Amino acid sequence: MIETKDLKIIADSKTSIDSETRFWEFVVDYSKTHFFGVRFDNLTKKTALKIVRNFLTERHNQKSRKVFFTNVHTIYLAGKNPVFAQTVNKADLVLPDGSGLKIAGRIFSKPVKENLNGTDFTPLILETALKLGSKIYLLGATQEVITKCVSRLEIEYPGLKIVGFHSGFFSSSDEAELISEIKNISPDILLIAMGSPKQEMFAEKIAGQLNNTVCCAIGGFFDFITEERKRAPLFIRKSGLEWLFRFFQDPKTKWDRIIIEIPVFLLSVFTARFFTNSIYSSSDRRPSCG
């Protein structure tokens, strides 16, 4: 018997859901939400982690999985790039990241359950990997940072099976060799930290060539765990203003997000609220239980 607070049903012999994998796939389908046509799965942290664990343990179908995170930046990029939008929308799990989505959810009385950003959720994936003995490959950041990241993870997660790593800076001519290396190693988890949309597009490309690998696009996690960049204090994170803290740390690369992307998103939200009363796309459907 399987239960989740995200869905008021119980999977047992009376339902048509006959396996744990199908149950969690149903939970994801039921929780899909689309803000301006870009998907996220409105789940609690506990349920999202159970789904990732199932990806790692249900291995008979030889299927690789993609785990992404949607935030205001994702929505902005997707609005300019339909291929990227489609890549995000067809992932196996897409978690809500950031205060922007929470604000929009409140305005439309459709609350986002939790902020499940990659920096906070990735350690939970690593803890699960440690318990299961999963093999991990790290891809992203500079060579110096990724090397430091491996050392830091080995200290913080003794026994974690890191089977390979590579910086996120490689040429198109090197990409085939990199993909071949990852295929030969066949990790259980591939953590990709190269920034959007590059990390999601790479995950899309390589996932089809791997078996039983969970490909996670995790943003700046490597920089944060190595303290290359500082996390905002907890009270700032809880207030939803971590984006402002990051801006002051790196105004040159975050300028567009503050001056363009966040205002455009908020303007779009308020315009939708007063003129159409919806930011949900036509693809925001709920599957039937039958």
C-alpha atoms as a PDB file:
ATOM      1  CA  MET A   1       0.000   0.000   0.000  1.00  0.00           C
ATOM      2  CA  ILE A   2       1.386   3.423  -1.014  1.00  0.00           C
ATOM      3  CA  GLU A   3       0.246   6.755   0.355  1.00  0.00           C
ATOM      4  CA  THR A   4       1.078  10.399  -0.399  1.00  0.00           C
ATOM      5  CA  LYS A   5      -0.316  13.661   0.939  1.00  0.00           C
ATOM      6  CA  ASP A   6       0.039  15.121  -2.538  1.00  0.00           C
ATOM      7  CA  LEU A   7      -2.686  12.857  -3.855  1.00  0.00           C
ATOM      8  CA  LYS A   8      -5.724  11.743  -1.880  1.00  0.00           C
ATOM      9  CA  ILE A   9      -5.685   8.164  -3.140  1.00  0.00           C
ATOM     10  CA  ILE A  10      -4.189   4.877  -2.014  1.00  0.00           C
ATOM     11  CA  ALA A  11      -2.771   2.423  -4.523  1.00  0.00           C
ATOM     12  CA  ASP A  12      -3.900  -1.098  -3.726  1.00  0.00           C
ATOM     13  CA  SER A  13      -5.533  -4.056  -5.417  1.00  0.00           C
ATOM     14  CA  LYS A  14      -8.730  -2.068  -6.024  1.00  0.00           C
ATOM     15  CA  THR A  15      -7.052   0.489  -8.287  1.00  0.00           C
ATOM     16  CA  SER A  16      -5.825   0.174 -11.851  1.00  0.00           C
ATOM     17  CA  ILE A  17      -2.338   1.264 -10.784  1.00  0.00           C
ATOM     18  CA  ASP A  18      -0.534  -2.041 -10.457  1.00  0.00           C
ATOM     19  CA  SER A  19       3.044  -1.095  -9.573  1.00  0.00           C
ATOM     20  CA  GLU A  20       4.905   1.447  -7.498  1.00  0.00           C
ATOM     21  CA  THR A  21       6.467   2.954 -10.608  1.00  0.00           C
ATOM     22  CA  ARG A  22       3.105   3.460 -12.272  1.00  0.00           C
ATOM     23  CA  PHE A  23       1.754   4.939  -9.059  1.00  0.00           C
ATOM     24  CA  TRP A  24       4.503   7.577  -8.869  1.00  0.00           C
ATOM     25  CA  GLU A  25       4.127   8.321 -12.576  1.00  0.00           C
ATOM     26  CA  PHE A  26       0.448   8.917 -11.886  1.00  0.00           C
ATOM     27  CA  VAL A  27       1.312  11.249  -8.981  1.00  0.00           C
ATOM     28  CA  VAL A  28       3.602  13.285 -11.259  1.00  0.00           C
ATOM     29  CA  ASP A  29       0.959  13.462 -14.005  1.00  0.00           C
ATOM     30  CA  TYR A  30      -1.671  14.538 -11.499  1.00  0.00           C
ATOM     31  CA  SER A  31       0.589  17.256 -10.055  1.00  0.00           C
ATOM     32  CA  LYS A  32       1.679  18.834 -13.351  1.00  0.00           C
ATOM     33  CA  THR A  33       1.154  22.590 -13.488  1.00  0.00           C
ATOM     34  CA  HIS A  34       2.048  24.947 -16.334  1.00  0.00           C
ATOM     35  CA  PHE A  35       2.830  28.621 -15.764  1.00  0.00           C
ATOM     36  CA  PHE A  36       2.784  30.375 -19.151  1.00  0.00           C
ATOM     37  CA  GLY A  37       3.173  27.010 -20.850  1.00  0.00           C
ATOM     38  CA  VAL A  38       6.190  25.878 -18.797  1.00  0.00           C
ATOM     39  CA  ARG A  39       5.759  22.886 -16.536  1.00  0.00           C
ATOM     40  CA  PHE A  40       6.542  22.156 -12.930  1.00  0.00           C
ATOM     41  CA  ASP A  41       5.209  19.383 -10.687  1.00  0.00           C
ATOM     42  CA  ASN A  42       3.557  20.827  -7.591  1.00  0.00           C
ATOM     43  CA  LEU A  43       4.808  18.316  -5.035  1.00  0.00           C
ATOM     44  CA  THR A  44       6.122  18.290  -1.496  1.00  0.00           C
ATOM     45  CA  LYS A  45       9.806  17.607  -0.867  1.00  0.00           C
ATOM     46  CA  LYS A  46       8.993  14.260   0.730  1.00  0.00           C
ATOM     47  CA  THR A  47       7.018  13.034  -2.262  1.00  0.00           C
ATOM     48  CA  ALA A  48       9.548  14.353  -4.792  1.00  0.00           C
ATOM     49  CA  LEU A  49      12.317  12.471  -3.008  1.00  0.00           C
ATOM     50  CA  LYS A  50      10.275   9.248  -3.000  1.00  0.00           C
ATOM     51  CA  ILE A  51       9.853   9.622  -6.750  1.00  0.00           C
ATOM     52  CA  VAL A  52      13.603  10.066  -7.277  1.00  0.00           C
ATOM     53  CA  ARG A  53      14.255   7.032  -5.092  1.00  0.00           C
ATOM     54  CA  ASN A  54      11.848   5.034  -7.233  1.00  0.00           C
ATOM     55  CA  PHE A  55      13.714   6.156 -10.361  1.00  0.00           C
ATOM     56  CA  LEU A  56      16.858   4.664  -8.814  1.00  0.00           C
ATOM     57  CA  THR A  57      15.342   1.388  -7.645  1.00  0.00           C
ATOM     58  CA  GLU A  58      12.862   0.541 -10.430  1.00  0.00           C
ATOM     59  CA  ARG A  59      15.405  -0.536 -13.030  1.00  0.00           C
ATOM     60  CA  HIS A  60      13.776  -3.298 -15.038  1.00  0.00           C
ATOM     61  CA  ASN A  61      12.604  -1.041 -17.878  1.00  0.00           C
ATOM     62  CA  GLN A  62      16.138   0.221 -18.741  1.00  0.00           C
ATOM     63  CA  LYS A  63      14.786   3.769 -18.930  1.00  0.00           C
ATOM     64  CA  SER A  64      16.808   6.858 -18.068  1.00  0.00           C
ATOM     65  CA  ARG A  65      15.080   9.703 -16.244  1.00  0.00           C
ATOM     66  CA  LYS A  66      15.440  13.496 -16.337  1.00  0.00           C
ATOM     67  CA  VAL A  67      14.931  15.693 -13.275  1.00  0.00           C
ATOM     68  CA  PHE A  68      14.755  19.454 -13.878  1.00  0.00           C
ATOM     69  CA  PHE A  69      13.814  22.588 -11.932  1.00  0.00           C
ATOM     70  CA  THR A  70      11.588  25.417 -13.170  1.00  0.00           C
ATOM     71  CA  ASN A  71      12.019  29.003 -12.002  1.00  0.00           C
ATOM     72  CA  VAL A  72      11.408  32.486 -13.433  1.00  0.00           C
ATOM     73  CA  HIS A  73      14.602  32.226 -15.496  1.00  0.00           C
ATOM     74  CA  THR A  74      13.403  28.912 -16.971  1.00  0.00           C
ATOM     75  CA  ILE A  75      10.055  30.451 -17.946  1.00  0.00           C
ATOM     76  CA  TYR A  76      11.773  33.457 -19.527  1.00  0.00           C
ATOM     77  CA  LEU A  77      14.160  31.292 -21.572  1.00  0.00           C
ATOM     78  CA  ALA A  78      11.363  28.924 -22.584  1.00  0.00           C
ATOM     79  CA  GLY A  79       9.315  31.852 -23.883  1.00  0.00           C
ATOM     80  CA  LYS A  80      12.152  32.667 -26.271  1.00  0.00           C
ATOM     81  CA  ASN A  81      13.083  29.080 -27.146  1.00  0.00           C
ATOM     82  CA  PRO A  82      10.249  26.605 -27.914  1.00  0.00           C
ATOM     83  CA  VAL A  83      12.702  23.685 -28.140  1.00  0.00           C
ATOM     84  CA  PHE A  84      13.900  24.388 -24.608  1.00  0.00           C
ATOM     85  CA  ALA A  85      10.284  24.692 -23.418  1.00  0.00           C
ATOM     86  CA  GLN A  86       9.484  21.292 -24.909  1.00  0.00           C
ATOM     87  CA  THR A  87      12.613  19.785 -23.335  1.00  0.00           C
ATOM     88  CA  VAL A  88      11.562  20.957 -19.870  1.00  0.00           C
ATOM     89  CA  ASN A  89       7.934  19.944 -20.313  1.00  0.00           C
ATOM     90  CA  LYS A  90       8.681  16.345 -21.265  1.00  0.00           C
ATOM     91  CA  ALA A  91      11.118  15.624 -18.404  1.00  0.00           C
ATOM     92  CA  ASP A  92      10.230  12.885 -15.916  1.00  0.00           C
ATOM     93  CA  LEU A  93      10.172  15.245 -12.928  1.00  0.00           C
ATOM     94  CA  VAL A  94      10.202  19.069 -12.888  1.00  0.00           C
ATOM     95  CA  LEU A  95      10.324  20.740  -9.481  1.00  0.00           C
ATOM     96  CA  PRO A  96       9.341  24.339  -8.595  1.00  0.00           C
ATOM     97  CA  ASP A  97      12.263  26.617  -7.772  1.00  0.00           C
ATOM     98  CA  GLY A  98      12.090  30.107  -6.365  1.00  0.00           C
ATOM     99  CA  SER A  99       9.883  32.754  -4.820  1.00  0.00           C
ATOM    100  CA  GLY A 100       8.582  33.958  -8.197  1.00  0.00           C
ATOM    101  CA  LEU A 101       6.488  30.822  -8.665  1.00  0.00           C
ATOM    102  CA  LYS A 102       5.226  31.070  -5.089  1.00  0.00           C
ATOM    103  CA  ILE A 103       4.120  34.678  -5.618  1.00  0.00           C
ATOM    104  CA  ALA A 104       2.276  33.730  -8.802  1.00  0.00           C
ATOM    105  CA  GLY A 105       0.644  30.783  -7.069  1.00  0.00           C
ATOM    106  CA  ARG A 106      -0.629  32.994  -4.236  1.00  0.00           C
ATOM    107  CA  ILE A 107      -2.015  35.589  -6.634  1.00  0.00           C
ATOM    108  CA  PHE A 108      -4.070  32.904  -8.384  1.00  0.00           C
ATOM    109  CA  SER A 109      -4.971  31.046  -5.163  1.00  0.00           C
ATOM    110  CA  LYS A 110      -3.064  27.994  -6.434  1.00  0.00           C
ATOM    111  CA  PRO A 111      -0.259  27.748  -3.859  1.00  0.00           C
ATOM    112  CA  VAL A 112       3.067  26.161  -4.732  1.00  0.00           C
ATOM    113  CA  LYS A 113       3.622  23.571  -2.014  1.00  0.00           C
ATOM    114  CA  GLU A 114       7.373  23.935  -1.541  1.00  0.00           C
ATOM    115  CA  ASN A 115      10.389  25.678  -3.010  1.00  0.00           C
ATOM    116  CA  LEU A 116      12.427  22.701  -4.228  1.00  0.00           C
ATOM    117  CA  ASN A 117      15.464  24.423  -5.714  1.00  0.00           C
ATOM    118  CA  GLY A 118      18.419  22.375  -6.934  1.00  0.00           C
ATOM    119  CA  THR A 119      20.845  23.676  -4.305  1.00  0.00           C
ATOM    120  CA  ASP A 120      18.714  22.369  -1.432  1.00  0.00           C
ATOM    121  CA  PHE A 121      17.276  19.291  -3.136  1.00  0.00           C
ATOM    122  CA  THR A 122      20.536  17.872  -4.506  1.00  0.00           C
ATOM    123  CA  PRO A 123      21.925  16.989  -1.037  1.00  0.00           C
ATOM    124  CA  LEU A 124      18.788  14.892  -0.499  1.00  0.00           C
ATOM    125  CA  ILE A 125      19.527  13.059  -3.747  1.00  0.00           C
ATOM    126  CA  LEU A 126      23.099  12.484  -2.571  1.00  0.00           C
ATOM    127  CA  GLU A 127      21.892  11.108   0.774  1.00  0.00           C
ATOM    128  CA  THR A 128      19.580   8.725  -1.081  1.00  0.00           C
ATOM    129  CA  ALA A 129      22.427   7.700  -3.402  1.00  0.00           C
ATOM    130  CA  LEU A 130      24.622   6.978  -0.396  1.00  0.00           C
ATOM    131  CA  LYS A 131      21.992   4.724   1.171  1.00  0.00           C
ATOM    132  CA  LEU A 132      21.376   2.862  -2.073  1.00  0.00           C
ATOM    133  CA  GLY A 133      25.029   2.618  -3.104  1.00  0.00           C
ATOM    134  CA  SER A 134      24.299   4.482  -6.343  1.00  0.00           C
ATOM    135  CA  LYS A 135      27.143   5.480  -8.676  1.00  0.00           C
ATOM    136  CA  ILE A 136      27.428   9.219  -9.400  1.00  0.00           C
ATOM    137  CA  TYR A 137      29.037  11.190 -12.209  1.00  0.00           C
ATOM    138  CA  LEU A 138      29.558  14.961 -11.833  1.00  0.00           C
ATOM    139  CA  LEU A 139      29.494  17.297 -14.830  1.00  0.00           C
ATOM    140  CA  GLY A 140      29.827  21.062 -14.609  1.00  0.00           C
ATOM    141  CA  ALA A 141      31.665  24.144 -13.312  1.00  0.00           C
ATOM    142  CA  THR A 142      35.352  24.801 -13.977  1.00  0.00           C
ATOM    143  CA  GLN A 143      38.027  22.136 -13.651  1.00  0.00           C
ATOM    144  CA  GLU A 144      39.236  23.683 -10.401  1.00  0.00           C
ATOM    145  CA  VAL A 145      35.741  23.834  -8.894  1.00  0.00           C
ATOM    146  CA  ILE A 146      34.673  20.344  -9.976  1.00  0.00           C
ATOM    147  CA  THR A 147      37.894  18.841  -8.542  1.00  0.00           C
ATOM    148  CA  LYS A 148      37.283  20.666  -5.275  1.00  0.00           C
ATOM    149  CA  CYS A 149      33.656  19.526  -5.366  1.00  0.00           C
ATOM    150  CA  VAL A 150      34.668  15.846  -5.530  1.00  0.00           C
ATOM    151  CA  SER A 151      36.899  16.282  -2.474  1.00  0.00           C
ATOM    152  CA  ARG A 152      34.176  18.101  -0.555  1.00  0.00           C
ATOM    153  CA  LEU A 153      31.533  15.475  -1.344  1.00  0.00           C
ATOM    154  CA  GLU A 154      33.862  12.654  -0.292  1.00  0.00           C
ATOM    155  CA  ILE A 155      34.244  14.383   3.076  1.00  0.00           C
ATOM    156  CA  GLU A 156      30.581  15.227   3.579  1.00  0.00           C
ATOM    157  CA  TYR A 157      29.260  11.891   2.273  1.00  0.00           C
ATOM    158  CA  PRO A 158      31.793   9.185   3.257  1.00  0.00           C
ATOM    159  CA  GLY A 159      31.316   6.137   1.056  1.00  0.00           C
ATOM    160  CA  LEU A 160      29.595   8.053  -1.757  1.00  0.00           C
ATOM    161  CA  LYS A 161      30.458   6.345  -5.056  1.00  0.00           C
ATOM    162  CA  ILE A 162      31.720   9.108  -7.355  1.00  0.00           C
ATOM    163  CA  VAL A 163      32.739   7.215 -10.486  1.00  0.00           C
ATOM    164  CA  GLY A 164      33.745  10.148 -12.689  1.00  0.00           C
ATOM    165  CA  PHE A 165      33.686  13.896 -13.211  1.00  0.00           C
ATOM    166  CA  HIS A 166      34.282  16.494 -15.916  1.00  0.00           C
ATOM    167  CA  SER A 167      34.164  20.272 -16.073  1.00  0.00           C
ATOM    168  CA  GLY A 168      31.225  21.943 -17.789  1.00  0.00           C
ATOM    169  CA  PHE A 169      33.484  23.655 -20.291  1.00  0.00           C
ATOM    170  CA  PHE A 170      34.063  21.489 -23.341  1.00  0.00           C
ATOM    171  CA  SER A 171      33.982  22.057 -27.075  1.00  0.00           C
ATOM    172  CA  SER A 172      31.510  20.491 -29.461  1.00  0.00           C
ATOM    173  CA  SER A 173      34.354  18.344 -30.785  1.00  0.00           C
ATOM    174  CA  ASP A 174      34.985  17.016 -27.257  1.00  0.00           C
ATOM    175  CA  GLU A 175      31.328  16.289 -26.576  1.00  0.00           C
ATOM    176  CA  ALA A 176      31.213  12.922 -28.356  1.00  0.00           C
ATOM    177  CA  GLU A 177      34.184  11.660 -26.327  1.00  0.00           C
ATOM    178  CA  LEU A 178      32.578  12.900 -23.098  1.00  0.00           C
ATOM    179  CA  ILE A 179      29.286  11.183 -23.879  1.00  0.00           C
ATOM    180  CA  SER A 180      31.144   7.983 -24.729  1.00  0.00           C
ATOM    181  CA  GLU A 181      32.963   8.123 -21.376  1.00  0.00           C
ATOM    182  CA  ILE A 182      29.725   8.584 -19.445  1.00  0.00           C
ATOM    183  CA  LYS A 183      28.056   5.763 -21.394  1.00  0.00           C
ATOM    184  CA  ASN A 184      30.939   3.409 -20.605  1.00  0.00           C
ATOM    185  CA  ILE A 185      30.796   4.253 -16.901  1.00  0.00           C
ATOM    186  CA  SER A 186      26.988   4.005 -16.871  1.00  0.00           C
ATOM    187  CA  PRO A 187      26.367   5.970 -13.653  1.00  0.00           C
ATOM    188  CA  ASP A 188      23.127   5.649 -11.716  1.00  0.00           C
ATOM    189  CA  ILE A 189      22.997   9.431 -11.284  1.00  0.00           C
ATOM    190  CA  LEU A 190      24.399  12.120 -13.577  1.00  0.00           C
ATOM    191  CA  LEU A 191      24.514  15.542 -11.907  1.00  0.00           C
ATOM    192  CA  ILE A 192      24.766  18.316 -14.517  1.00  0.00           C
ATOM    193  CA  ALA A 193      25.554  21.857 -13.354  1.00  0.00           C
ATOM    194  CA  MET A 194      26.094  23.998 -16.437  1.00  0.00           C
ATOM    195  CA  GLY A 195      23.300  26.568 -16.199  1.00  0.00           C
ATOM    196  CA  SER A 196      20.112  26.765 -18.237  1.00  0.00           C
ATOM    197  CA  PRO A 197      19.393  25.965 -20.996  1.00  0.00           C
ATOM    198  CA  LYS A 198      22.699  24.157 -21.605  1.00  0.00           C
ATOM    199  CA  GLN A 199      22.327  21.633 -18.773  1.00  0.00           C
ATOM    200  CA  GLU A 200      18.779  20.608 -19.710  1.00  0.00           C
ATOM    201  CA  MET A 201      19.603  20.330 -23.410  1.00  0.00           C
ATOM    202  CA  PHE A 202      22.631  18.159 -22.623  1.00  0.00           C
ATOM    203  CA  ALA A 203      20.538  15.971 -20.317  1.00  0.00           C
ATOM    204  CA  GLU A 204      18.006  15.550 -23.130  1.00  0.00           C
ATOM    205  CA  LYS A 205      20.746  14.543 -25.552  1.00  0.00           C
ATOM    206  CA  ILE A 206      22.526  12.038 -23.343  1.00  0.00           C
ATOM    207  CA  ALA A 207      19.522  10.493 -21.560  1.00  0.00           C
ATOM    208  CA  GLY A 208      18.445   8.725 -24.729  1.00  0.00           C
ATOM    209  CA  GLN A 209      21.864   7.028 -24.883  1.00  0.00           C
ATOM    210  CA  LEU A 210      21.928   5.796 -21.280  1.00  0.00           C
ATOM    211  CA  ASN A 211      20.137   3.029 -19.398  1.00  0.00           C
ATOM    212  CA  ASN A 212      18.866   3.430 -15.827  1.00  0.00           C
ATOM    213  CA  THR A 213      20.559   6.792 -15.268  1.00  0.00           C
ATOM    214  CA  VAL A 214      18.823   9.654 -13.473  1.00  0.00           C
ATOM    215  CA  CYS A 215      20.024  12.858 -15.154  1.00  0.00           C
ATOM    216  CA  CYS A 216      19.601  15.886 -12.880  1.00  0.00           C
ATOM    217  CA  ALA A 217      20.093  19.490 -14.020  1.00  0.00           C
ATOM    218  CA  ILE A 218      21.088  21.196 -10.770  1.00  0.00           C
ATOM    219  CA  GLY A 219      22.271  24.729 -11.605  1.00  0.00           C
ATOM    220  CA  GLY A 220      24.904  26.239  -9.300  1.00  0.00           C
ATOM    221  CA  PHE A 221      25.136  23.455  -6.720  1.00  0.00           C
ATOM    222  CA  PHE A 222      28.843  22.735  -7.334  1.00  0.00           C
ATOM    223  CA  ASP A 223      29.737  26.391  -6.788  1.00  0.00           C
ATOM    224  CA  PHE A 224      27.790  26.512  -3.540  1.00  0.00           C
ATOM    225  CA  ILE A 225      29.045  23.284  -1.971  1.00  0.00           C
ATOM    226  CA  THR A 226      32.659  24.311  -2.663  1.00  0.00           C
ATOM    227  CA  GLU A 227      31.879  27.804  -1.309  1.00  0.00           C
ATOM    228  CA  GLU A 228      33.003  29.304  -4.588  1.00  0.00           C
ATOM    229  CA  ARG A 229      29.807  31.265  -4.083  1.00  0.00           C
ATOM    230  CA  LYS A 230      28.206  31.898  -0.709  1.00  0.00           C
ATOM    231  CA  ARG A 231      24.635  30.898   0.062  1.00  0.00           C
ATOM    232  CA  ALA A 232      22.376  33.574   1.460  1.00  0.00           C
ATOM    233  CA  PRO A 233      21.792  33.386   5.225  1.00  0.00           C
ATOM    234  CA  LEU A 234      18.845  31.203   6.176  1.00  0.00           C
ATOM    235  CA  PHE A 235      16.593  34.127   7.125  1.00  0.00           C
ATOM    236  CA  ILE A 236      17.078  35.641   3.658  1.00  0.00           C
ATOM    237  CA  ARG A 237      16.294  32.322   1.995  1.00  0.00           C
ATOM    238  CA  LYS A 238      13.126  31.957   4.068  1.00  0.00           C
ATOM    239  CA  SER A 239      12.047  35.469   3.131  1.00  0.00           C
ATOM    240  CA  GLY A 240      12.244  34.569  -0.573  1.00  0.00           C
ATOM    241  CA  LEU A 241      14.985  37.132  -1.294  1.00  0.00           C
ATOM    242  CA  GLU A 242      17.879  34.804  -2.079  1.00  0.00           C
ATOM    243  CA  TRP A 243      17.766  36.012  -5.692  1.00  0.00           C
ATOM    244  CA  LEU A 244      18.663  39.524  -4.464  1.00  0.00           C
ATOM    245  CA  PHE A 245      21.585  38.171  -2.419  1.00  0.00           C
ATOM    246  CA  ARG A 246      22.878  36.347  -5.502  1.00  0.00           C
ATOM    247  CA  PHE A 247      22.560  39.521  -7.552  1.00  0.00           C
ATOM    248  CA  PHE A 248      24.804  41.472  -5.167  1.00  0.00           C
ATOM    249  CA  GLN A 249      27.327  38.621  -5.287  1.00  0.00           C
ATOM    250  CA  ASP A 250      27.459  38.559  -9.083  1.00  0.00           C
ATOM    251  CA  PRO A 251      25.705  41.622 -10.585  1.00  0.00           C
ATOM    252  CA  LYS A 252      27.412  41.274 -13.967  1.00  0.00           C
ATOM    253  CA  THR A 253      25.850  37.906 -14.856  1.00  0.00           C
ATOM    254  CA  LYS A 254      22.613  38.349 -12.850  1.00  0.00           C
ATOM    255  CA  TRP A 255      21.784  41.822 -14.202  1.00  0.00           C
ATOM    256  CA  ASP A 256      19.360  40.632 -16.878  1.00  0.00           C
ATOM    257  CA  ARG A 257      17.432  38.523 -14.379  1.00  0.00           C
ATOM    258  CA  ILE A 258      16.837  41.482 -12.053  1.00  0.00           C
ATOM    259  CA  ILE A 259      16.234  44.216 -14.637  1.00  0.00           C
ATOM    260  CA  ILE A 260      14.403  42.195 -17.288  1.00  0.00           C
ATOM    261  CA  GLU A 261      13.279  38.689 -16.361  1.00  0.00           C
ATOM    262  CA  ILE A 262      11.711  39.227 -12.924  1.00  0.00           C
ATOM    263  CA  PRO A 263       9.839  42.428 -13.913  1.00  0.00           C
ATOM    264  CA  VAL A 264       8.606  40.788 -17.132  1.00  0.00           C
ATOM    265  CA  PHE A 265       7.376  37.755 -15.205  1.00  0.00           C
ATOM    266  CA  LEU A 266       5.604  39.804 -12.514  1.00  0.00           C
ATOM    267  CA  LEU A 267       4.029  42.089 -15.113  1.00  0.00           C
ATOM    268  CA  SER A 268       2.811  39.028 -17.010  1.00  0.00           C
ATOM    269  CA  VAL A 269       1.370  37.549 -13.800  1.00  0.00           C
ATOM    270  CA  PHE A 270      -0.540  40.702 -12.862  1.00  0.00           C
ATOM    271  CA  THR A 271      -1.724  41.217 -16.443  1.00  0.00           C
ATOM    272  CA  ALA A 272      -2.996  37.650 -16.554  1.00  0.00           C
ATOM    273  CA  ARG A 273      -4.669  38.057 -13.158  1.00  0.00           C
ATOM    274  CA  PHE A 274      -6.684  41.098 -14.132  1.00  0.00           C
ATOM    275  CA  PHE A 275      -7.418  40.321 -17.783  1.00  0.00           C
ATOM    276  CA  THR A 276      -7.616  36.538 -18.202  1.00  0.00           C
ATOM    277  CA  ASN A 277      -7.550  35.337 -14.573  1.00  0.00           C
ATOM    278  CA  SER A 278      -5.271  32.470 -15.585  1.00  0.00           C
ATOM    279  CA  ILE A 279      -1.597  31.761 -16.187  1.00  0.00           C
ATOM    280  CA  TYR A 280      -2.261  28.088 -16.794  1.00  0.00           C
ATOM    281  CA  SER A 281      -1.773  26.718 -20.275  1.00  0.00           C
ATOM    282  CA  SER A 282      -4.231  24.410 -22.000  1.00  0.00           C
ATOM    283  CA  SER A 283      -1.819  21.524 -21.304  1.00  0.00           C
ATOM    284  CA  ASP A 284      -2.425  21.869 -17.547  1.00  0.00           C
ATOM    285  CA  ARG A 285      -4.675  18.810 -17.299  1.00  0.00           C
ATOM    286  CA  ARG A 286      -5.391  16.264 -14.629  1.00  0.00           C
ATOM    287  CA  PRO A 287      -5.288  12.570 -15.596  1.00  0.00           C
ATOM    288  CA  SER A 288      -8.172  10.335 -14.673  1.00  0.00           C
ATOM    289  CA  CYS A 289      -7.770   7.536 -12.158  1.00  0.00           C
ATOM    290  CA  GLY A 290      -9.210   4.934 -14.473  1.00  0.00           C
END
